[in-house]
Amino acid sequence: PIGNLKDITLRALETLKTVQVIFAEDTRNTLKLLSHYEISKPVKSYHEHNKKSAALEVLRHLENGDSVGLVTDAGTPAISDPGFDLVLLVKDHFPVVPIPGASAVLAALVASGLIPQPFTFYGFLDRTISKRQQELNKLSGLPHTLVFYERGDRVKTTLEDMLNVLGNRNVVLAKELTKQFETFYEGDITTLM
């Protein structure tokens, strides 16, 4: 789920109940989810900082005939998280079965009031100002809605870079999607800074 534990699909719950082992971006969040739905399975860590060693462990499980589930913190695995690297590693040797569900990208887009199609989802911009501005320059000619992820502590500097590169355009900031304190802020960039 992307926030609210009820965002999870019946198929995802069924899958979590049937796999032999679960790898999770944040085991604490996944254990809360599993506990809420009374699912007891081994949970191992798979995240940006251990993705190489954990991927080898996933491969060992698959080679031993185990089914493996991958759970991310918020939303679909492989979208702006290291799940993509795992899919690349295993897809030519074992089936990768997507379990569709809640998507922060789409939830934010449809509630934003911005034109939903076409749109470009970029994910996270680079942390460094110069590279972030280069990325924005490449996107500046696109005539449609752009969707980004950003950490809360970097929103202000990212908005400053967007203002400098893209101009003062209308934006919507969405946070805490599907949670109790879900919030949308709408306005032009200078108003929201």
N, C-alpha and C. Protein backbone atom coordinates (compact mmCIF):
# COMPACT_ATOMS: atom_id res chain seq x y z
N PRO A 1 0.83 -1.21 0.00
CA PRO A 1 0.00 0.00 0.00
C PRO A 1 0.86 1.25 0.00
N ILE A 2 0.30 2.38 -0.43
CA ILE A 2 1.08 3.61 -0.49
C ILE A 2 0.98 4.43 0.79
N GLY A 3 0.16 4.06 1.69
CA GLY A 3 0.03 4.81 2.94
C GLY A 3 -0.92 4.10 3.88
N ASN A 4 -2.17 4.05 3.50
CA ASN A 4 -3.20 3.41 4.29
C ASN A 4 -3.10 1.90 4.10
N LEU A 5 -3.11 1.15 5.19
CA LEU A 5 -2.99 -0.31 5.10
C LEU A 5 -4.13 -0.93 4.28
N LYS A 6 -5.24 -0.24 4.16
CA LYS A 6 -6.38 -0.77 3.40
C LYS A 6 -6.20 -0.59 1.90
N ASP A 7 -5.13 0.08 1.47
CA ASP A 7 -4.86 0.24 0.04
C ASP A 7 -4.45 -1.08 -0.62
N ILE A 8 -4.09 -2.06 0.15
CA ILE A 8 -3.57 -3.31 -0.40
C ILE A 8 -4.69 -4.09 -1.08
N THR A 9 -4.34 -4.82 -2.13
CA THR A 9 -5.34 -5.59 -2.86
C THR A 9 -5.49 -6.99 -2.27
N LEU A 10 -6.61 -7.61 -2.58
CA LEU A 10 -6.84 -9.00 -2.14
C LEU A 10 -5.78 -9.92 -2.73
N ARG A 11 -5.42 -9.68 -3.98
CA ARG A 11 -4.40 -10.52 -4.63
C ARG A 11 -3.05 -10.37 -3.95
N ALA A 12 -2.70 -9.15 -3.54
CA ALA A 12 -1.43 -8.93 -2.85
C ALA A 12 -1.43 -9.68 -1.51
N LEU A 13 -2.54 -9.63 -0.79
CA LEU A 13 -2.62 -10.36 0.48
C LEU A 13 -2.49 -11.86 0.25
N GLU A 14 -3.17 -12.36 -0.76
CA GLU A 14 -3.08 -13.79 -1.08
C GLU A 14 -1.64 -14.17 -1.41
N THR A 15 -0.97 -13.32 -2.16
CA THR A 15 0.42 -13.59 -2.54
C THR A 15 1.32 -13.60 -1.30
N LEU A 16 1.15 -12.62 -0.43
CA LEU A 16 1.97 -12.57 0.78
C LEU A 16 1.75 -13.79 1.66
N LYS A 17 0.54 -14.34 1.63
CA LYS A 17 0.25 -15.54 2.43
C LYS A 17 0.88 -16.79 1.83
N THR A 18 1.12 -16.79 0.51
CA THR A 18 1.57 -18.02 -0.14
C THR A 18 3.07 -18.08 -0.43
N VAL A 19 3.76 -16.95 -0.47
CA VAL A 19 5.20 -17.01 -0.74
C VAL A 19 5.93 -17.59 0.47
N GLN A 20 7.11 -18.15 0.21
CA GLN A 20 7.89 -18.72 1.30
C GLN A 20 8.67 -17.66 2.09
N VAL A 21 9.09 -16.59 1.40
CA VAL A 21 9.89 -15.55 2.06
C VAL A 21 9.55 -14.20 1.43
N ILE A 22 9.63 -13.17 2.25
CA ILE A 22 9.34 -11.81 1.78
C ILE A 22 10.58 -10.95 1.97
N PHE A 23 10.96 -10.25 0.93
CA PHE A 23 12.02 -9.25 1.02
C PHE A 23 11.35 -7.88 1.02
N ALA A 24 11.83 -6.99 1.89
CA ALA A 24 11.15 -5.72 2.07
C ALA A 24 12.13 -4.56 2.12
N GLU A 25 11.70 -3.44 1.54
CA GLU A 25 12.52 -2.22 1.58
C GLU A 25 12.71 -1.75 3.02
N ASP A 26 11.66 -1.79 3.80
CA ASP A 26 11.73 -1.45 5.22
C ASP A 26 10.99 -2.55 5.98
N THR A 27 11.74 -3.41 6.63
CA THR A 27 11.12 -4.56 7.30
C THR A 27 10.14 -4.12 8.39
N ARG A 28 10.40 -2.99 9.03
CA ARG A 28 9.48 -2.53 10.09
C ARG A 28 8.10 -2.24 9.51
N ASN A 29 8.05 -1.53 8.39
CA ASN A 29 6.75 -1.23 7.77
C ASN A 29 6.05 -2.50 7.29
N THR A 30 6.84 -3.39 6.70
CA THR A 30 6.24 -4.63 6.18
C THR A 30 5.74 -5.51 7.32
N LEU A 31 6.48 -5.56 8.43
CA LEU A 31 6.02 -6.36 9.57
C LEU A 31 4.72 -5.80 10.14
N LYS A 32 4.54 -4.47 10.13
CA LYS A 32 3.27 -3.88 10.57
C LYS A 32 2.13 -4.33 9.65
N LEU A 33 2.40 -4.30 8.35
CA LEU A 33 1.39 -4.73 7.37
C LEU A 33 1.03 -6.19 7.59
N LEU A 34 2.04 -7.04 7.70
CA LEU A 34 1.80 -8.47 7.88
C LEU A 34 1.06 -8.75 9.18
N SER A 35 1.44 -8.06 10.23
CA SER A 35 0.78 -8.23 11.52
C SER A 35 -0.69 -7.82 11.43
N HIS A 36 -0.95 -6.71 10.77
CA HIS A 36 -2.32 -6.21 10.62
C HIS A 36 -3.22 -7.25 9.94
N TYR A 37 -2.65 -7.98 8.97
CA TYR A 37 -3.42 -8.98 8.23
C TYR A 37 -3.14 -10.41 8.71
N GLU A 38 -2.50 -10.53 9.86
CA GLU A 38 -2.22 -11.81 10.50
C GLU A 38 -1.51 -12.78 9.56
N ILE A 39 -0.45 -12.28 8.93
CA ILE A 39 0.38 -13.10 8.04
C ILE A 39 1.73 -13.27 8.71
N SER A 40 2.16 -14.51 8.83
CA SER A 40 3.44 -14.79 9.47
C SER A 40 4.37 -15.45 8.45
N LYS A 41 5.36 -14.70 8.03
CA LYS A 41 6.35 -15.17 7.05
C LYS A 41 7.71 -14.61 7.41
N PRO A 42 8.79 -15.30 7.01
CA PRO A 42 10.12 -14.70 7.19
C PRO A 42 10.23 -13.42 6.34
N VAL A 43 10.74 -12.37 6.95
CA VAL A 43 10.91 -11.09 6.26
C VAL A 43 12.38 -10.71 6.31
N LYS A 44 12.94 -10.46 5.12
CA LYS A 44 14.35 -10.09 5.01
C LYS A 44 14.46 -8.73 4.33
N SER A 45 15.56 -8.10 4.55
CA SER A 45 15.76 -6.74 4.05
C SER A 45 16.29 -6.72 2.62
N TYR A 46 15.70 -5.86 1.80
CA TYR A 46 16.20 -5.57 0.45
C TYR A 46 15.98 -4.08 0.21
N HIS A 47 17.07 -3.31 0.19
CA HIS A 47 16.96 -1.87 0.00
C HIS A 47 18.19 -1.36 -0.75
N GLU A 48 18.23 -0.08 -0.98
CA GLU A 48 19.29 0.54 -1.78
C GLU A 48 20.70 0.21 -1.28
N HIS A 49 20.87 0.10 0.02
CA HIS A 49 22.21 -0.08 0.58
C HIS A 49 22.67 -1.53 0.68
N ASN A 50 21.77 -2.49 0.49
CA ASN A 50 22.19 -3.90 0.53
C ASN A 50 21.73 -4.66 -0.71
N LYS A 51 21.33 -3.94 -1.75
CA LYS A 51 20.66 -4.58 -2.89
C LYS A 51 21.50 -5.64 -3.58
N LYS A 52 22.82 -5.51 -3.59
CA LYS A 52 23.64 -6.53 -4.26
C LYS A 52 23.67 -7.83 -3.47
N SER A 53 23.97 -7.74 -2.18
CA SER A 53 24.03 -8.97 -1.37
C SER A 53 22.65 -9.58 -1.19
N ALA A 54 21.64 -8.74 -0.99
CA ALA A 54 20.28 -9.26 -0.82
C ALA A 54 19.77 -9.89 -2.11
N ALA A 55 20.14 -9.34 -3.26
CA ALA A 55 19.71 -9.91 -4.54
C ALA A 55 20.27 -11.32 -4.70
N LEU A 56 21.51 -11.53 -4.27
CA LEU A 56 22.09 -12.88 -4.33
C LEU A 56 21.32 -13.84 -3.43
N GLU A 57 20.87 -13.34 -2.29
CA GLU A 57 20.07 -14.17 -1.39
C GLU A 57 18.70 -14.50 -2.02
N VAL A 58 18.10 -13.52 -2.70
CA VAL A 58 16.85 -13.77 -3.42
C VAL A 58 17.06 -14.86 -4.46
N LEU A 59 18.16 -14.75 -5.22
CA LEU A 59 18.48 -15.77 -6.23
C LEU A 59 18.62 -17.15 -5.62
N ARG A 60 19.30 -17.25 -4.49
CA ARG A 60 19.46 -18.55 -3.81
C ARG A 60 18.10 -19.13 -3.45
N HIS A 61 17.21 -18.29 -2.93
CA HIS A 61 15.87 -18.76 -2.58
C HIS A 61 15.15 -19.28 -3.83
N LEU A 62 15.21 -18.52 -4.91
CA LEU A 62 14.54 -18.92 -6.14
C LEU A 62 15.13 -20.21 -6.69
N GLU A 63 16.45 -20.33 -6.68
CA GLU A 63 17.11 -21.55 -7.16
C GLU A 63 16.74 -22.76 -6.32
N ASN A 64 16.41 -22.53 -5.05
CA ASN A 64 15.99 -23.63 -4.17
C ASN A 64 14.50 -23.94 -4.30
N GLY A 65 13.82 -23.23 -5.21
CA GLY A 65 12.41 -23.50 -5.45
C GLY A 65 11.45 -22.69 -4.59
N ASP A 66 11.97 -21.77 -3.80
CA ASP A 66 11.10 -20.92 -2.97
C ASP A 66 10.45 -19.85 -3.83
N SER A 67 9.24 -19.48 -3.47
CA SER A 67 8.63 -18.29 -4.08
C SER A 67 8.97 -17.11 -3.16
N VAL A 68 9.23 -15.96 -3.78
CA VAL A 68 9.71 -14.79 -3.06
C VAL A 68 8.78 -13.62 -3.36
N GLY A 69 8.42 -12.89 -2.31
CA GLY A 69 7.65 -11.66 -2.47
C GLY A 69 8.56 -10.47 -2.22
N LEU A 70 8.33 -9.40 -2.96
CA LEU A 70 9.07 -8.15 -2.76
C LEU A 70 8.08 -7.06 -2.39
N VAL A 71 8.32 -6.40 -1.26
CA VAL A 71 7.44 -5.35 -0.77
C VAL A 71 8.26 -4.08 -0.62
N THR A 72 7.71 -2.96 -1.11
CA THR A 72 8.39 -1.68 -0.94
C THR A 72 7.65 -0.85 0.11
N ASP A 73 8.26 0.26 0.49
CA ASP A 73 7.66 1.11 1.52
C ASP A 73 6.30 1.66 1.12
N ALA A 74 6.20 2.12 -0.11
CA ALA A 74 4.98 2.81 -0.49
C ALA A 74 4.73 2.65 -1.97
N GLY A 75 3.92 1.70 -2.33
CA GLY A 75 3.55 1.56 -3.73
C GLY A 75 4.23 0.43 -4.45
N THR A 76 4.23 0.51 -5.74
CA THR A 76 4.67 -0.57 -6.60
C THR A 76 6.18 -0.76 -6.58
N PRO A 77 6.66 -1.98 -6.31
CA PRO A 77 8.10 -2.23 -6.37
C PRO A 77 8.67 -1.89 -7.75
N ALA A 78 9.88 -1.38 -7.78
CA ALA A 78 10.64 -1.03 -8.98
C ALA A 78 10.33 0.38 -9.49
N ILE A 79 9.36 1.06 -8.90
CA ILE A 79 9.10 2.45 -9.28
C ILE A 79 9.82 3.33 -8.28
N SER A 80 10.93 3.92 -8.73
CA SER A 80 11.76 4.78 -7.88
C SER A 80 12.26 4.07 -6.64
N ASP A 81 12.60 2.81 -6.77
CA ASP A 81 13.25 2.10 -5.68
C ASP A 81 14.10 0.97 -6.27
N PRO A 82 14.92 0.30 -5.48
CA PRO A 82 15.85 -0.70 -6.02
C PRO A 82 15.22 -1.99 -6.51
N GLY A 83 13.91 -2.11 -6.44
CA GLY A 83 13.25 -3.30 -6.96
C GLY A 83 13.54 -3.52 -8.43
N PHE A 84 13.77 -2.43 -9.15
CA PHE A 84 14.11 -2.52 -10.57
C PHE A 84 15.36 -3.38 -10.80
N ASP A 85 16.38 -3.18 -9.98
CA ASP A 85 17.63 -3.94 -10.12
C ASP A 85 17.38 -5.43 -9.91
N LEU A 86 16.51 -5.76 -8.98
CA LEU A 86 16.19 -7.16 -8.71
C LEU A 86 15.45 -7.78 -9.89
N VAL A 87 14.50 -7.04 -10.45
CA VAL A 87 13.77 -7.55 -11.61
C VAL A 87 14.74 -7.84 -12.76
N LEU A 88 15.68 -6.93 -13.01
CA LEU A 88 16.66 -7.15 -14.08
C LEU A 88 17.48 -8.41 -13.84
N LEU A 89 17.82 -8.66 -12.60
CA LEU A 89 18.65 -9.81 -12.26
C LEU A 89 17.92 -11.14 -12.45
N VAL A 90 16.64 -11.19 -12.08
CA VAL A 90 15.96 -12.49 -12.07
C VAL A 90 15.08 -12.76 -13.28
N LYS A 91 14.67 -11.75 -14.03
CA LYS A 91 13.62 -11.92 -15.05
C LYS A 91 13.96 -12.91 -16.15
N ASP A 92 15.22 -13.11 -16.48
CA ASP A 92 15.58 -14.05 -17.54
C ASP A 92 15.69 -15.48 -17.04
N HIS A 93 15.59 -15.68 -15.72
CA HIS A 93 15.75 -17.01 -15.14
C HIS A 93 14.50 -17.51 -14.40
N PHE A 94 13.72 -16.57 -13.91
CA PHE A 94 12.53 -16.90 -13.13
C PHE A 94 11.40 -15.94 -13.52
N PRO A 95 10.16 -16.39 -13.43
CA PRO A 95 9.06 -15.48 -13.76
C PRO A 95 8.95 -14.35 -12.72
N VAL A 96 8.72 -13.17 -13.20
CA VAL A 96 8.42 -12.02 -12.34
C VAL A 96 6.95 -11.73 -12.52
N VAL A 97 6.20 -11.81 -11.44
CA VAL A 97 4.75 -11.65 -11.49
C VAL A 97 4.38 -10.34 -10.81
N PRO A 98 3.91 -9.36 -11.58
CA PRO A 98 3.50 -8.11 -10.96
C PRO A 98 2.17 -8.25 -10.25
N ILE A 99 2.06 -7.63 -9.10
CA ILE A 99 0.81 -7.61 -8.36
C ILE A 99 0.36 -6.15 -8.34
N PRO A 100 -0.50 -5.75 -9.28
CA PRO A 100 -0.91 -4.34 -9.35
C PRO A 100 -1.59 -3.89 -8.06
N GLY A 101 -1.45 -2.62 -7.80
CA GLY A 101 -2.07 -2.06 -6.60
C GLY A 101 -1.97 -0.56 -6.60
N ALA A 102 -1.99 0.00 -5.42
CA ALA A 102 -1.96 1.44 -5.26
C ALA A 102 -0.67 2.03 -5.85
N SER A 103 -0.82 3.19 -6.45
CA SER A 103 0.31 3.87 -7.07
C SER A 103 0.29 5.34 -6.65
N ALA A 104 1.35 5.77 -5.97
CA ALA A 104 1.42 7.16 -5.53
C ALA A 104 1.41 8.12 -6.71
N VAL A 105 2.08 7.73 -7.80
CA VAL A 105 2.13 8.58 -8.99
C VAL A 105 0.72 8.87 -9.49
N LEU A 106 -0.05 7.82 -9.68
CA LEU A 106 -1.39 7.98 -10.23
C LEU A 106 -2.36 8.60 -9.23
N ALA A 107 -2.24 8.24 -7.97
CA ALA A 107 -3.12 8.83 -6.96
C ALA A 107 -2.92 10.34 -6.91
N ALA A 108 -1.68 10.78 -6.90
CA ALA A 108 -1.40 12.22 -6.86
C ALA A 108 -1.88 12.90 -8.14
N LEU A 109 -1.62 12.28 -9.27
CA LEU A 109 -1.98 12.89 -10.55
C LEU A 109 -3.49 13.07 -10.69
N VAL A 110 -4.26 12.04 -10.39
CA VAL A 110 -5.71 12.14 -10.61
C VAL A 110 -6.38 13.10 -9.63
N ALA A 111 -5.80 13.29 -8.45
CA ALA A 111 -6.40 14.21 -7.48
C ALA A 111 -5.85 15.64 -7.61
N SER A 112 -4.82 15.82 -8.43
CA SER A 112 -4.15 17.12 -8.53
C SER A 112 -4.96 18.18 -9.28
N GLY A 113 -5.78 17.74 -10.21
CA GLY A 113 -6.47 18.68 -11.08
C GLY A 113 -5.62 19.12 -12.27
N LEU A 114 -4.39 18.62 -12.36
CA LEU A 114 -3.55 18.88 -13.52
C LEU A 114 -3.97 17.95 -14.65
N ILE A 115 -3.70 18.35 -15.87
CA ILE A 115 -4.08 17.54 -17.03
C ILE A 115 -3.38 16.18 -16.92
N PRO A 116 -4.15 15.08 -16.87
CA PRO A 116 -3.56 13.77 -16.60
C PRO A 116 -2.93 13.07 -17.80
N GLN A 117 -3.24 13.49 -19.01
CA GLN A 117 -2.58 12.85 -20.13
C GLN A 117 -2.38 13.84 -21.26
N PRO A 118 -1.22 13.80 -21.85
CA PRO A 118 -0.11 12.94 -21.46
C PRO A 118 0.60 13.49 -20.23
N PHE A 119 1.34 12.61 -19.58
CA PHE A 119 2.18 13.05 -18.48
C PHE A 119 3.48 12.26 -18.53
N THR A 120 4.51 12.83 -17.92
CA THR A 120 5.79 12.15 -17.78
C THR A 120 6.07 11.99 -16.30
N PHE A 121 6.29 10.75 -15.89
CA PHE A 121 6.72 10.49 -14.52
C PHE A 121 8.24 10.38 -14.53
N TYR A 122 8.89 11.23 -13.77
CA TYR A 122 10.35 11.24 -13.75
C TYR A 122 10.92 10.51 -12.54
N GLY A 123 10.21 10.48 -11.45
CA GLY A 123 10.75 9.91 -10.23
C GLY A 123 11.52 10.97 -9.47
N PHE A 124 12.62 10.57 -8.84
CA PHE A 124 13.43 11.50 -8.06
C PHE A 124 14.44 12.20 -8.96
N LEU A 125 14.52 13.50 -8.83
CA LEU A 125 15.59 14.27 -9.49
C LEU A 125 16.88 14.06 -8.70
N ASP A 126 17.99 14.35 -9.35
CA ASP A 126 19.29 14.22 -8.69
C ASP A 126 19.37 15.13 -7.46
N ARG A 127 20.15 14.73 -6.48
CA ARG A 127 20.30 15.52 -5.25
C ARG A 127 21.12 16.78 -5.45
N THR A 128 22.07 16.73 -6.36
CA THR A 128 22.94 17.89 -6.55
C THR A 128 22.26 18.92 -7.43
N ILE A 129 22.45 20.17 -7.08
CA ILE A 129 21.75 21.25 -7.78
C ILE A 129 22.08 21.26 -9.26
N SER A 130 23.36 21.15 -9.61
CA SER A 130 23.74 21.25 -11.03
C SER A 130 23.14 20.12 -11.85
N LYS A 131 23.18 18.90 -11.34
CA LYS A 131 22.60 17.77 -12.08
C LYS A 131 21.08 17.87 -12.13
N ARG A 132 20.48 18.32 -11.03
CA ARG A 132 19.03 18.48 -11.00
C ARG A 132 18.59 19.50 -12.05
N GLN A 133 19.34 20.61 -12.15
CA GLN A 133 19.01 21.63 -13.15
C GLN A 133 19.20 21.09 -14.58
N GLN A 134 20.21 20.26 -14.79
CA GLN A 134 20.40 19.63 -16.10
C GLN A 134 19.22 18.74 -16.45
N GLU A 135 18.77 17.96 -15.48
CA GLU A 135 17.61 17.09 -15.71
C GLU A 135 16.37 17.92 -16.05
N LEU A 136 16.16 18.99 -15.30
CA LEU A 136 15.01 19.85 -15.56
C LEU A 136 15.10 20.52 -16.92
N ASN A 137 16.32 20.91 -17.32
CA ASN A 137 16.51 21.50 -18.66
C ASN A 137 16.08 20.53 -19.75
N LYS A 138 16.41 19.26 -19.59
CA LYS A 138 16.03 18.25 -20.58
C LYS A 138 14.51 18.09 -20.65
N LEU A 139 13.83 18.32 -19.55
CA LEU A 139 12.38 18.16 -19.49
C LEU A 139 11.62 19.44 -19.85
N SER A 140 12.33 20.54 -19.91
CA SER A 140 11.67 21.85 -20.02
C SER A 140 10.86 22.02 -21.30
N GLY A 141 11.18 21.32 -22.35
CA GLY A 141 10.45 21.46 -23.61
C GLY A 141 9.21 20.60 -23.71
N LEU A 142 8.99 19.74 -22.75
CA LEU A 142 7.82 18.86 -22.80
C LEU A 142 6.56 19.67 -22.52
N PRO A 143 5.54 19.54 -23.37
CA PRO A 143 4.34 20.36 -23.24
C PRO A 143 3.24 19.73 -22.39
N HIS A 144 3.61 18.83 -21.50
CA HIS A 144 2.57 18.15 -20.72
C HIS A 144 2.95 18.09 -19.24
N THR A 145 2.10 17.47 -18.45
CA THR A 145 2.28 17.40 -17.00
C THR A 145 3.50 16.56 -16.66
N LEU A 146 4.31 17.09 -15.74
CA LEU A 146 5.49 16.40 -15.25
C LEU A 146 5.22 15.99 -13.80
N VAL A 147 5.58 14.76 -13.46
CA VAL A 147 5.36 14.25 -12.11
C VAL A 147 6.70 13.81 -11.54
N PHE A 148 6.99 14.28 -10.32
CA PHE A 148 8.26 13.96 -9.65
C PHE A 148 7.98 13.43 -8.25
N TYR A 149 8.94 12.69 -7.73
CA TYR A 149 8.98 12.37 -6.30
C TYR A 149 10.04 13.27 -5.69
N GLU A 150 9.86 13.64 -4.43
CA GLU A 150 10.89 14.40 -3.73
C GLU A 150 10.73 14.21 -2.24
N ARG A 151 11.86 14.16 -1.55
CA ARG A 151 11.85 14.09 -0.10
C ARG A 151 11.40 15.44 0.46
N GLY A 152 10.73 15.40 1.59
CA GLY A 152 10.20 16.62 2.19
C GLY A 152 11.24 17.68 2.47
N ASP A 153 12.42 17.27 2.90
CA ASP A 153 13.46 18.25 3.23
C ASP A 153 14.12 18.87 2.00
N ARG A 154 13.80 18.37 0.81
CA ARG A 154 14.39 18.93 -0.41
C ARG A 154 13.37 19.65 -1.30
N VAL A 155 12.13 19.71 -0.88
CA VAL A 155 11.09 20.30 -1.72
C VAL A 155 11.40 21.76 -2.04
N LYS A 156 11.80 22.54 -1.04
CA LYS A 156 12.04 23.97 -1.27
C LYS A 156 13.14 24.19 -2.31
N THR A 157 14.28 23.49 -2.19
CA THR A 157 15.37 23.71 -3.16
C THR A 157 14.98 23.18 -4.54
N THR A 158 14.20 22.12 -4.58
CA THR A 158 13.74 21.61 -5.87
C THR A 158 12.80 22.61 -6.53
N LEU A 159 11.89 23.18 -5.75
CA LEU A 159 11.00 24.21 -6.30
C LEU A 159 11.80 25.41 -6.81
N GLU A 160 12.85 25.80 -6.09
CA GLU A 160 13.70 26.91 -6.54
C GLU A 160 14.33 26.59 -7.89
N ASP A 161 14.82 25.37 -8.04
CA ASP A 161 15.41 24.96 -9.31
C ASP A 161 14.36 24.91 -10.42
N MET A 162 13.17 24.43 -10.09
CA MET A 162 12.09 24.40 -11.09
C MET A 162 11.73 25.81 -11.53
N LEU A 163 11.66 26.74 -10.58
CA LEU A 163 11.37 28.12 -10.92
C LEU A 163 12.43 28.68 -11.86
N ASN A 164 13.69 28.42 -11.55
CA ASN A 164 14.80 28.94 -12.37
C ASN A 164 14.82 28.32 -13.76
N VAL A 165 14.49 27.05 -13.88
CA VAL A 165 14.61 26.35 -15.16
C VAL A 165 13.29 26.33 -15.93
N LEU A 166 12.19 26.05 -15.25
CA LEU A 166 10.90 25.85 -15.93
C LEU A 166 10.02 27.10 -15.92
N GLY A 167 10.36 28.05 -15.08
CA GLY A 167 9.53 29.24 -14.95
C GLY A 167 8.45 29.05 -13.90
N ASN A 168 7.72 30.12 -13.63
CA ASN A 168 6.72 30.11 -12.57
C ASN A 168 5.42 29.50 -13.07
N ARG A 169 5.34 28.20 -13.02
CA ARG A 169 4.17 27.48 -13.51
C ARG A 169 3.33 26.96 -12.36
N ASN A 170 2.12 26.53 -12.68
CA ASN A 170 1.22 25.95 -11.68
C ASN A 170 1.73 24.57 -11.29
N VAL A 171 1.76 24.30 -9.99
CA VAL A 171 2.19 22.99 -9.49
C VAL A 171 1.24 22.54 -8.39
N VAL A 172 1.27 21.26 -8.13
CA VAL A 172 0.53 20.68 -7.01
C VAL A 172 1.51 19.81 -6.23
N LEU A 173 1.57 20.03 -4.94
CA LEU A 173 2.38 19.19 -4.06
C LEU A 173 1.43 18.28 -3.30
N ALA A 174 1.71 16.99 -3.32
CA ALA A 174 0.88 16.01 -2.62
C ALA A 174 1.74 15.30 -1.58
N LYS A 175 1.21 15.16 -0.38
CA LYS A 175 1.97 14.43 0.65
C LYS A 175 1.03 13.59 1.49
N GLU A 176 1.59 12.57 2.10
CA GLU A 176 0.84 11.66 2.97
C GLU A 176 -0.35 11.04 2.24
N LEU A 177 -0.15 10.66 0.98
CA LEU A 177 -1.24 10.11 0.18
C LEU A 177 -1.89 8.92 0.86
N THR A 178 -3.18 8.92 0.87
CA THR A 178 -4.09 7.91 1.42
C THR A 178 -3.98 7.75 2.93
N LYS A 179 -3.21 8.59 3.58
CA LYS A 179 -3.11 8.54 5.04
C LYS A 179 -4.06 9.55 5.66
N GLN A 180 -4.13 9.56 6.97
CA GLN A 180 -5.05 10.44 7.69
C GLN A 180 -4.81 11.91 7.37
N PHE A 181 -3.55 12.31 7.21
CA PHE A 181 -3.23 13.72 6.99
C PHE A 181 -2.84 14.00 5.54
N GLU A 182 -3.46 13.29 4.60
CA GLU A 182 -3.24 13.54 3.18
C GLU A 182 -3.50 15.02 2.89
N THR A 183 -2.55 15.63 2.15
CA THR A 183 -2.65 17.06 1.87
C THR A 183 -2.21 17.36 0.45
N PHE A 184 -2.92 18.28 -0.19
CA PHE A 184 -2.54 18.78 -1.51
C PHE A 184 -2.38 20.29 -1.40
N TYR A 185 -1.27 20.80 -1.92
CA TYR A 185 -1.03 22.24 -1.99
C TYR A 185 -0.98 22.61 -3.46
N GLU A 186 -1.77 23.61 -3.84
CA GLU A 186 -1.83 23.99 -5.24
C GLU A 186 -1.55 25.49 -5.39
N GLY A 187 -0.82 25.83 -6.42
CA GLY A 187 -0.54 27.22 -6.72
C GLY A 187 0.64 27.32 -7.67
N ASP A 188 1.08 28.54 -7.95
CA ASP A 188 2.29 28.63 -8.76
C ASP A 188 3.49 28.43 -7.83
N ILE A 189 4.65 28.25 -8.43
CA ILE A 189 5.83 27.88 -7.66
C ILE A 189 6.16 28.95 -6.62
N THR A 190 6.12 30.22 -7.00
CA THR A 190 6.50 31.27 -6.05
C THR A 190 5.53 31.30 -4.85
N THR A 191 4.27 31.01 -5.09
CA THR A 191 3.30 30.99 -3.99
C THR A 191 3.60 29.85 -3.02
N LEU A 192 4.02 28.72 -3.54
CA LEU A 192 4.24 27.53 -2.70
C LEU A 192 5.61 27.50 -2.03
N MET A 193 6.52 28.38 -2.48
CA MET A 193 7.84 28.41 -1.85
C MET A 193 7.74 29.15 -0.54
